[in-house]
Amino acid sequence: MMPSDKSAVEQAYAFFHQKERVYAHSTSEAEKDHIEETIAAYVNAMSPALYACLSEGDNSYLREHPAFGEQLKDALRKLEQALAES
């Protein structure tokens, strides 16, 4: 269950959505690395409750390269669902 702070969910969704669109279409590894670093910094500063809901206890979620692209899509799905339910 997502935290009740709808504005935090909306803000995270908007930020992740923008970054995912660029990440998905980028052919530059440097640009993708920059997006990964930016998202990692964002999740380090975001609401711990929201991160816990998104990560489901995985502390590497959106913080490590190997699964980043899929995790970013997963986070967007979860945030979309939370917004639709609010």
PDB file of N, CA and C in Angstrom:
ATOM      1  N   MET A   1       0.848  -1.182   0.000  1.00  0.00           N
ATOM      2  CA  MET A   1       0.000   0.000   0.000  1.00  0.00           C
ATOM      3  C   MET A   1       0.890   1.240   0.000  1.00  0.00           C
ATOM      4  N   MET A   2       0.576   2.156  -0.871  1.00  0.00           N
ATOM      5  CA  MET A   2       1.348   3.400  -0.993  1.00  0.00           C
ATOM      6  C   MET A   2       1.022   4.343   0.164  1.00  0.00           C
ATOM      7  N   PRO A   3       1.975   5.179   0.514  1.00  0.00           N
ATOM      8  CA  PRO A   3       1.717   6.191   1.535  1.00  0.00           C
ATOM      9  C   PRO A   3       0.592   7.118   1.079  1.00  0.00           C
ATOM     10  N   SER A   4      -0.058   7.766   2.021  1.00  0.00           N
ATOM     11  CA  SER A   4      -1.210   8.611   1.700  1.00  0.00           C
ATOM     12  C   SER A   4      -0.823   9.979   1.148  1.00  0.00           C
ATOM     13  N   ASP A   5       0.455  10.305   1.089  1.00  0.00           N
ATOM     14  CA  ASP A   5       0.893  11.596   0.570  1.00  0.00           C
ATOM     15  C   ASP A   5       0.845  11.583  -0.956  1.00  0.00           C
ATOM     16  N   LYS A   6      -0.318  11.966  -1.486  1.00  0.00           N
ATOM     17  CA  LYS A   6      -0.526  11.916  -2.934  1.00  0.00           C
ATOM     18  C   LYS A   6       0.460  12.804  -3.679  1.00  0.00           C
ATOM     19  N   SER A   7       0.823  13.935  -3.099  1.00  0.00           N
ATOM     20  CA  SER A   7       1.751  14.836  -3.792  1.00  0.00           C
ATOM     21  C   SER A   7       3.124  14.192  -3.958  1.00  0.00           C
ATOM     22  N   ALA A   8       3.566  13.402  -2.987  1.00  0.00           N
ATOM     23  CA  ALA A   8       4.854  12.712  -3.103  1.00  0.00           C
ATOM     24  C   ALA A   8       4.790  11.657  -4.206  1.00  0.00           C
ATOM     25  N   VAL A   9       3.664  10.974  -4.312  1.00  0.00           N
ATOM     26  CA  VAL A   9       3.479   9.973  -5.363  1.00  0.00           C
ATOM     27  C   VAL A   9       3.452  10.658  -6.727  1.00  0.00           C
ATOM     28  N   GLU A  10       2.715  11.756  -6.836  1.00  0.00           N
ATOM     29  CA  GLU A  10       2.641  12.495  -8.102  1.00  0.00           C
ATOM     30  C   GLU A  10       4.007  13.028  -8.514  1.00  0.00           C
ATOM     31  N   GLN A  11       4.735  13.566  -7.559  1.00  0.00           N
ATOM     32  CA  GLN A  11       6.063  14.112  -7.855  1.00  0.00           C
ATOM     33  C   GLN A  11       7.011  13.008  -8.323  1.00  0.00           C
ATOM     34  N   ALA A  12       7.014  11.892  -7.637  1.00  0.00           N
ATOM     35  CA  ALA A  12       7.877  10.773  -8.024  1.00  0.00           C
ATOM     36  C   ALA A  12       7.487  10.261  -9.407  1.00  0.00           C
ATOM     37  N   TYR A  13       6.183  10.147  -9.647  1.00  0.00           N
ATOM     38  CA  TYR A  13       5.732   9.673 -10.955  1.00  0.00           C
ATOM     39  C   TYR A  13       6.203  10.605 -12.067  1.00  0.00           C
ATOM     40  N   ALA A  14       6.015  11.893 -11.903  1.00  0.00           N
ATOM     41  CA  ALA A  14       6.411  12.854 -12.941  1.00  0.00           C
ATOM     42  C   ALA A  14       7.916  12.788 -13.196  1.00  0.00           C
ATOM     43  N   PHE A  15       8.695  12.730 -12.135  1.00  0.00           N
ATOM     44  CA  PHE A  15      10.150  12.684 -12.266  1.00  0.00           C
ATOM     45  C   PHE A  15      10.598  11.395 -12.946  1.00  0.00           C
ATOM     46  N   PHE A  16      10.092  10.263 -12.468  1.00  0.00           N
ATOM     47  CA  PHE A  16      10.473   8.972 -13.044  1.00  0.00           C
ATOM     48  C   PHE A  16      10.012   8.855 -14.492  1.00  0.00           C
ATOM     49  N   HIS A  17       8.820   9.335 -14.774  1.00  0.00           N
ATOM     50  CA  HIS A  17       8.286   9.242 -16.134  1.00  0.00           C
ATOM     51  C   HIS A  17       9.176  10.007 -17.113  1.00  0.00           C
ATOM     52  N   GLN A  18       9.541  11.216 -16.738  1.00  0.00           N
ATOM     53  CA  GLN A  18      10.408  12.027 -17.603  1.00  0.00           C
ATOM     54  C   GLN A  18      11.738  11.318 -17.838  1.00  0.00           C
ATOM     55  N   LYS A  19      12.350  10.833 -16.789  1.00  0.00           N
ATOM     56  CA  LYS A  19      13.657  10.181 -16.902  1.00  0.00           C
ATOM     57  C   LYS A  19      13.565   8.869 -17.668  1.00  0.00           C
ATOM     58  N   GLU A  20      12.485   8.111 -17.488  1.00  0.00           N
ATOM     59  CA  GLU A  20      12.340   6.842 -18.182  1.00  0.00           C
ATOM     60  C   GLU A  20      12.197   7.041 -19.684  1.00  0.00           C
ATOM     61  N   ARG A  21      11.487   8.086 -20.100  1.00  0.00           N
ATOM     62  CA  ARG A  21      11.311   8.355 -21.536  1.00  0.00           C
ATOM     63  C   ARG A  21      12.665   8.618 -22.192  1.00  0.00           C
ATOM     64  N   VAL A  22      13.497   9.389 -21.536  1.00  0.00           N
ATOM     65  CA  VAL A  22      14.828   9.677 -22.085  1.00  0.00           C
ATOM     66  C   VAL A  22      15.686   8.420 -22.038  1.00  0.00           C
ATOM     67  N   TYR A  23      15.662   7.739 -20.898  1.00  0.00           N
ATOM     68  CA  TYR A  23      16.478   6.531 -20.715  1.00  0.00           C
ATOM     69  C   TYR A  23      16.142   5.473 -21.765  1.00  0.00           C
ATOM     70  N   ALA A  24      14.870   5.261 -22.022  1.00  0.00           N
ATOM     71  CA  ALA A  24      14.427   4.219 -22.942  1.00  0.00           C
ATOM     72  C   ALA A  24      14.873   4.470 -24.371  1.00  0.00           C
ATOM     73  N   HIS A  25      15.032   5.727 -24.737  1.00  0.00           N
ATOM     74  CA  HIS A  25      15.371   6.065 -26.118  1.00  0.00           C
ATOM     75  C   HIS A  25      16.818   6.521 -26.307  1.00  0.00           C
ATOM     76  N   SER A  26      17.570   6.578 -25.250  1.00  0.00           N
ATOM     77  CA  SER A  26      18.942   7.060 -25.335  1.00  0.00           C
ATOM     78  C   SER A  26      19.866   5.994 -25.921  1.00  0.00           C
ATOM     79  N   THR A  27      20.780   6.454 -26.738  1.00  0.00           N
ATOM     80  CA  THR A  27      21.824   5.566 -27.256  1.00  0.00           C
ATOM     81  C   THR A  27      23.167   5.890 -26.616  1.00  0.00           C
ATOM     82  N   SER A  28      23.167   6.838 -25.706  1.00  0.00           N
ATOM     83  CA  SER A  28      24.396   7.272 -25.041  1.00  0.00           C
ATOM     84  C   SER A  28      24.521   6.605 -23.672  1.00  0.00           C
ATOM     85  N   GLU A  29      25.560   5.811 -23.500  1.00  0.00           N
ATOM     86  CA  GLU A  29      25.792   5.177 -22.193  1.00  0.00           C
ATOM     87  C   GLU A  29      26.056   6.227 -21.116  1.00  0.00           C
ATOM     88  N   ALA A  30      26.717   7.303 -21.484  1.00  0.00           N
ATOM     89  CA  ALA A  30      26.984   8.370 -20.509  1.00  0.00           C
ATOM     90  C   ALA A  30      25.676   9.004 -20.048  1.00  0.00           C
ATOM     91  N   GLU A  31      24.745   9.218 -20.971  1.00  0.00           N
ATOM     92  CA  GLU A  31      23.450   9.793 -20.613  1.00  0.00           C
ATOM     93  C   GLU A  31      22.671   8.826 -19.718  1.00  0.00           C
ATOM     94  N   LYS A  32      22.684   7.547 -20.054  1.00  0.00           N
ATOM     95  CA  LYS A  32      21.995   6.560 -19.227  1.00  0.00           C
ATOM     96  C   LYS A  32      22.610   6.494 -17.828  1.00  0.00           C
ATOM     97  N   ASP A  33      23.935   6.525 -17.748  1.00  0.00           N
ATOM     98  CA  ASP A  33      24.601   6.517 -16.443  1.00  0.00           C
ATOM     99  C   ASP A  33      24.194   7.737 -15.621  1.00  0.00           C
ATOM    100  N   HIS A  34      24.109   8.889 -16.275  1.00  0.00           N
ATOM    101  CA  HIS A  34      23.706  10.116 -15.580  1.00  0.00           C
ATOM    102  C   HIS A  34      22.276   9.981 -15.046  1.00  0.00           C
ATOM    103  N   ILE A  35      21.379   9.418 -15.846  1.00  0.00           N
ATOM    104  CA  ILE A  35      19.998   9.220 -15.401  1.00  0.00           C
ATOM    105  C   ILE A  35      19.961   8.260 -14.218  1.00  0.00           C
ATOM    106  N   GLU A  36      20.728   7.190 -14.278  1.00  0.00           N
ATOM    107  CA  GLU A  36      20.779   6.240 -13.157  1.00  0.00           C
ATOM    108  C   GLU A  36      21.260   6.923 -11.882  1.00  0.00           C
ATOM    109  N   GLU A  37      22.279   7.753 -11.998  1.00  0.00           N
ATOM    110  CA  GLU A  37      22.797   8.479 -10.834  1.00  0.00           C
ATOM    111  C   GLU A  37      21.766   9.473 -10.301  1.00  0.00           C
ATOM    112  N   THR A  38      21.068  10.140 -11.208  1.00  0.00           N
ATOM    113  CA  THR A  38      20.050  11.118 -10.812  1.00  0.00           C
ATOM    114  C   THR A  38      18.892  10.442 -10.085  1.00  0.00           C
ATOM    115  N   ILE A  39      18.438   9.317 -10.621  1.00  0.00           N
ATOM    116  CA  ILE A  39      17.348   8.576  -9.978  1.00  0.00           C
ATOM    117  C   ILE A  39      17.801   8.044  -8.617  1.00  0.00           C
ATOM    118  N   ALA A  40      19.015   7.524  -8.538  1.00  0.00           N
ATOM    119  CA  ALA A  40      19.524   7.014  -7.257  1.00  0.00           C
ATOM    120  C   ALA A  40      19.569   8.125  -6.210  1.00  0.00           C
ATOM    121  N   ALA A  41      20.008   9.307  -6.604  1.00  0.00           N
ATOM    122  CA  ALA A  41      20.028  10.439  -5.675  1.00  0.00           C
ATOM    123  C   ALA A  41      18.611  10.806  -5.250  1.00  0.00           C
ATOM    124  N   TYR A  42      17.677  10.753  -6.189  1.00  0.00           N
ATOM    125  CA  TYR A  42      16.278  11.066  -5.872  1.00  0.00           C
ATOM    126  C   TYR A  42      15.721  10.068  -4.857  1.00  0.00           C
ATOM    127  N   VAL A  43      15.922   8.765  -5.096  1.00  0.00           N
ATOM    128  CA  VAL A  43      15.359   7.781  -4.166  1.00  0.00           C
ATOM    129  C   VAL A  43      16.040   7.844  -2.803  1.00  0.00           C
ATOM    130  N   ASN A  44      17.290   8.268  -2.768  1.00  0.00           N
ATOM    131  CA  ASN A  44      17.969   8.429  -1.475  1.00  0.00           C
ATOM    132  C   ASN A  44      17.362   9.552  -0.651  1.00  0.00           C
ATOM    133  N   ALA A  45      16.708  10.511  -1.323  1.00  0.00           N
ATOM    134  CA  ALA A  45      16.126  11.660  -0.625  1.00  0.00           C
ATOM    135  C   ALA A  45      14.601  11.577  -0.515  1.00  0.00           C
ATOM    136  N   MET A  46      13.985  10.619  -1.171  1.00  0.00           N
ATOM    137  CA  MET A  46      12.518  10.560  -1.182  1.00  0.00           C
ATOM    138  C   MET A  46      11.975  10.019   0.136  1.00  0.00           C
ATOM    139  N   SER A  47      10.685  10.079   0.269  1.00  0.00           N
ATOM    140  CA  SER A  47      10.001   9.551   1.445  1.00  0.00           C
ATOM    141  C   SER A  47      10.394   8.093   1.661  1.00  0.00           C
ATOM    142  N   PRO A  48      10.922   7.769   2.840  1.00  0.00           N
ATOM    143  CA  PRO A  48      11.281   6.368   3.106  1.00  0.00           C
ATOM    144  C   PRO A  48      10.083   5.421   2.970  1.00  0.00           C
ATOM    145  N   ALA A  49       8.896   5.893   3.328  1.00  0.00           N
ATOM    146  CA  ALA A  49       7.707   5.047   3.217  1.00  0.00           C
ATOM    147  C   ALA A  49       7.377   4.763   1.753  1.00  0.00           C
ATOM    148  N   LEU A  50       7.501   5.769   0.904  1.00  0.00           N
ATOM    149  CA  LEU A  50       7.230   5.582  -0.520  1.00  0.00           C
ATOM    150  C   LEU A  50       8.277   4.647  -1.133  1.00  0.00           C
ATOM    151  N   TYR A  51       9.538   4.862  -0.786  1.00  0.00           N
ATOM    152  CA  TYR A  51      10.591   3.976  -1.307  1.00  0.00           C
ATOM    153  C   TYR A  51      10.367   2.537  -0.858  1.00  0.00           C
ATOM    154  N   ALA A  52       9.971   2.350   0.377  1.00  0.00           N
ATOM    155  CA  ALA A  52       9.720   0.997   0.886  1.00  0.00           C
ATOM    156  C   ALA A  52       8.603   0.313   0.103  1.00  0.00           C
ATOM    157  N   CYS A  53       7.580   1.071  -0.246  1.00  0.00           N
ATOM    158  CA  CYS A  53       6.482   0.501  -1.043  1.00  0.00           C
ATOM    159  C   CYS A  53       6.946   0.135  -2.440  1.00  0.00           C
ATOM    160  N   LEU A  54       7.728   0.996  -3.046  1.00  0.00           N
ATOM    161  CA  LEU A  54       8.215   0.738  -4.400  1.00  0.00           C
ATOM    162  C   LEU A  54       9.213  -0.420  -4.423  1.00  0.00           C
ATOM    163  N   SER A  55      10.146  -0.405  -3.484  1.00  0.00           N
ATOM    164  CA  SER A  55      11.254  -1.369  -3.502  1.00  0.00           C
ATOM    165  C   SER A  55      10.897  -2.730  -2.930  1.00  0.00           C
ATOM    166  N   GLU A  56       9.828  -2.789  -2.160  1.00  0.00           N
ATOM    167  CA  GLU A  56       9.417  -4.021  -1.496  1.00  0.00           C
ATOM    168  C   GLU A  56      10.571  -4.656  -0.727  1.00  0.00           C
ATOM    169  N   GLY A  57      11.367  -3.805  -0.065  1.00  0.00           N
ATOM    170  CA  GLY A  57      12.454  -4.274   0.785  1.00  0.00           C
ATOM    171  C   GLY A  57      13.786  -4.498   0.095  1.00  0.00           C
ATOM    172  N   ASP A  58      13.852  -4.253  -1.203  1.00  0.00           N
ATOM    173  CA  ASP A  58      15.100  -4.428  -1.958  1.00  0.00           C
ATOM    174  C   ASP A  58      15.881  -3.112  -1.923  1.00  0.00           C
ATOM    175  N   ASN A  59      16.918  -3.052  -1.093  1.00  0.00           N
ATOM    176  CA  ASN A  59      17.678  -1.808  -0.924  1.00  0.00           C
ATOM    177  C   ASN A  59      18.495  -1.416  -2.152  1.00  0.00           C
ATOM    178  N   SER A  60      18.621  -2.318  -3.123  1.00  0.00           N
ATOM    179  CA  SER A  60      19.338  -1.974  -4.351  1.00  0.00           C
ATOM    180  C   SER A  60      18.400  -1.429  -5.428  1.00  0.00           C
ATOM    181  N   TYR A  61      17.104  -1.427  -5.140  1.00  0.00           N
ATOM    182  CA  TYR A  61      16.081  -0.998  -6.093  1.00  0.00           C
ATOM    183  C   TYR A  61      16.344   0.438  -6.557  1.00  0.00           C
ATOM    184  N   LEU A  62      16.486   0.600  -7.856  1.00  0.00           N
ATOM    185  CA  LEU A  62      16.769   1.884  -8.509  1.00  0.00           C
ATOM    186  C   LEU A  62      18.105   2.496  -8.092  1.00  0.00           C
ATOM    187  N   ARG A  63      18.970   1.668  -7.520  1.00  0.00           N
ATOM    188  CA  ARG A  63      20.268   2.176  -7.076  1.00  0.00           C
ATOM    189  C   ARG A  63      21.447   1.474  -7.749  1.00  0.00           C
ATOM    190  N   GLU A  64      21.173   0.403  -8.485  1.00  0.00           N
ATOM    191  CA  GLU A  64      22.256  -0.352  -9.103  1.00  0.00           C
ATOM    192  C   GLU A  64      21.962  -0.606 -10.577  1.00  0.00           C
ATOM    193  N   HIS A  65      23.009  -0.653 -11.366  1.00  0.00           N
ATOM    194  CA  HIS A  65      22.901  -0.727 -12.816  1.00  0.00           C
ATOM    195  C   HIS A  65      22.213  -1.970 -13.392  1.00  0.00           C
ATOM    196  N   PRO A  66      22.517  -3.190 -12.951  1.00  0.00           N
ATOM    197  CA  PRO A  66      22.050  -4.375 -13.685  1.00  0.00           C
ATOM    198  C   PRO A  66      20.549  -4.419 -13.992  1.00  0.00           C
ATOM    199  N   ALA A  67      19.711  -4.054 -13.057  1.00  0.00           N
ATOM    200  CA  ALA A  67      18.263  -4.154 -13.264  1.00  0.00           C
ATOM    201  C   ALA A  67      17.585  -2.791 -13.347  1.00  0.00           C
ATOM    202  N   PHE A  68      18.353  -1.736 -13.491  1.00  0.00           N
ATOM    203  CA  PHE A  68      17.801  -0.384 -13.394  1.00  0.00           C
ATOM    204  C   PHE A  68      16.642  -0.131 -14.355  1.00  0.00           C
ATOM    205  N   GLY A  69      16.814  -0.440 -15.630  1.00  0.00           N
ATOM    206  CA  GLY A  69      15.779  -0.147 -16.624  1.00  0.00           C
ATOM    207  C   GLY A  69      14.453  -0.801 -16.294  1.00  0.00           C
ATOM    208  N   GLU A  70      14.494  -2.065 -15.926  1.00  0.00           N
ATOM    209  CA  GLU A  70      13.262  -2.778 -15.579  1.00  0.00           C
ATOM    210  C   GLU A  70      12.670  -2.265 -14.272  1.00  0.00           C
ATOM    211  N   GLN A  71      13.536  -1.931 -13.321  1.00  0.00           N
ATOM    212  CA  GLN A  71      13.035  -1.408 -12.052  1.00  0.00           C
ATOM    213  C   GLN A  71      12.380  -0.042 -12.237  1.00  0.00           C
ATOM    214  N   LEU A  72      12.900   0.767 -13.135  1.00  0.00           N
ATOM    215  CA  LEU A  72      12.296   2.070 -13.386  1.00  0.00           C
ATOM    216  C   LEU A  72      10.901   1.886 -13.986  1.00  0.00           C
ATOM    217  N   LYS A  73      10.753   0.962 -14.910  1.00  0.00           N
ATOM    218  CA  LYS A  73       9.427   0.664 -15.471  1.00  0.00           C
ATOM    219  C   LYS A  73       8.499   0.127 -14.391  1.00  0.00           C
ATOM    220  N   ASP A  74       9.013  -0.728 -13.520  1.00  0.00           N
ATOM    221  CA  ASP A  74       8.227  -1.284 -12.421  1.00  0.00           C
ATOM    222  C   ASP A  74       7.753  -0.178 -11.482  1.00  0.00           C
ATOM    223  N   ALA A  75       8.638   0.736 -11.157  1.00  0.00           N
ATOM    224  CA  ALA A  75       8.270   1.848 -10.276  1.00  0.00           C
ATOM    225  C   ALA A  75       7.161   2.687 -10.915  1.00  0.00           C
ATOM    226  N   LEU A  76       7.266   2.932 -12.196  1.00  0.00           N
ATOM    227  CA  LEU A  76       6.224   3.705 -12.883  1.00  0.00           C
ATOM    228  C   LEU A  76       4.884   2.977 -12.838  1.00  0.00           C
ATOM    229  N   ARG A  77       4.880   1.673 -13.057  1.00  0.00           N
ATOM    230  CA  ARG A  77       3.631   0.906 -12.982  1.00  0.00           C
ATOM    231  C   ARG A  77       2.998   1.020 -11.594  1.00  0.00           C
ATOM    232  N   LYS A  78       3.831   0.879 -10.564  1.00  0.00           N
ATOM    233  CA  LYS A  78       3.329   0.956  -9.196  1.00  0.00           C
ATOM    234  C   LYS A  78       2.786   2.349  -8.886  1.00  0.00           C
ATOM    235  N   LEU A  79       3.487   3.377  -9.333  1.00  0.00           N
ATOM    236  CA  LEU A  79       3.039   4.746  -9.080  1.00  0.00           C
ATOM    237  C   LEU A  79       1.764   5.057  -9.862  1.00  0.00           C
ATOM    238  N   GLU A  80       1.664   4.590 -11.102  1.00  0.00           N
ATOM    239  CA  GLU A  80       0.437   4.772 -11.900  1.00  0.00           C
ATOM    240  C   GLU A  80      -0.744   4.121 -11.187  1.00  0.00           C
ATOM    241  N   GLN A  81      -0.534   2.916 -10.689  1.00  0.00           N
ATOM    242  CA  GLN A  81      -1.600   2.214  -9.993  1.00  0.00           C
ATOM    243  C   GLN A  81      -2.028   2.989  -8.744  1.00  0.00           C
ATOM    244  N   ALA A  82      -1.071   3.486  -7.998  1.00  0.00           N
ATOM    245  CA  ALA A  82      -1.383   4.256  -6.787  1.00  0.00           C
ATOM    246  C   ALA A  82      -2.170   5.516  -7.129  1.00  0.00           C
ATOM    247  N   LEU A  83      -1.815   6.177  -8.206  1.00  0.00           N
ATOM    248  CA  LEU A  83      -2.524   7.391  -8.616  1.00  0.00           C
ATOM    249  C   LEU A  83      -3.942   7.048  -9.082  1.00  0.00           C
ATOM    250  N   ALA A  84      -4.100   5.939  -9.767  1.00  0.00           N
ATOM    251  CA  ALA A  84      -5.421   5.538 -10.240  1.00  0.00           C
ATOM    252  C   ALA A  84      -6.336   5.174  -9.072  1.00  0.00           C
ATOM    253  N   GLU A  85      -5.765   4.668  -8.018  1.00  0.00           N
ATOM    254  CA  GLU A  85      -6.547   4.242  -6.842  1.00  0.00           C
ATOM    255  C   GLU A  85      -6.854   5.402  -5.891  1.00  0.00           C
ATOM    256  N   SER A  86      -6.182   6.530  -6.081  1.00  0.00           N
ATOM    257  CA  SER A  86      -6.388   7.640  -5.121  1.00  0.00           C
ATOM    258  C   SER A  86      -7.531   8.540  -5.536  1.00  0.00           C
TER     259      SER A  86
END
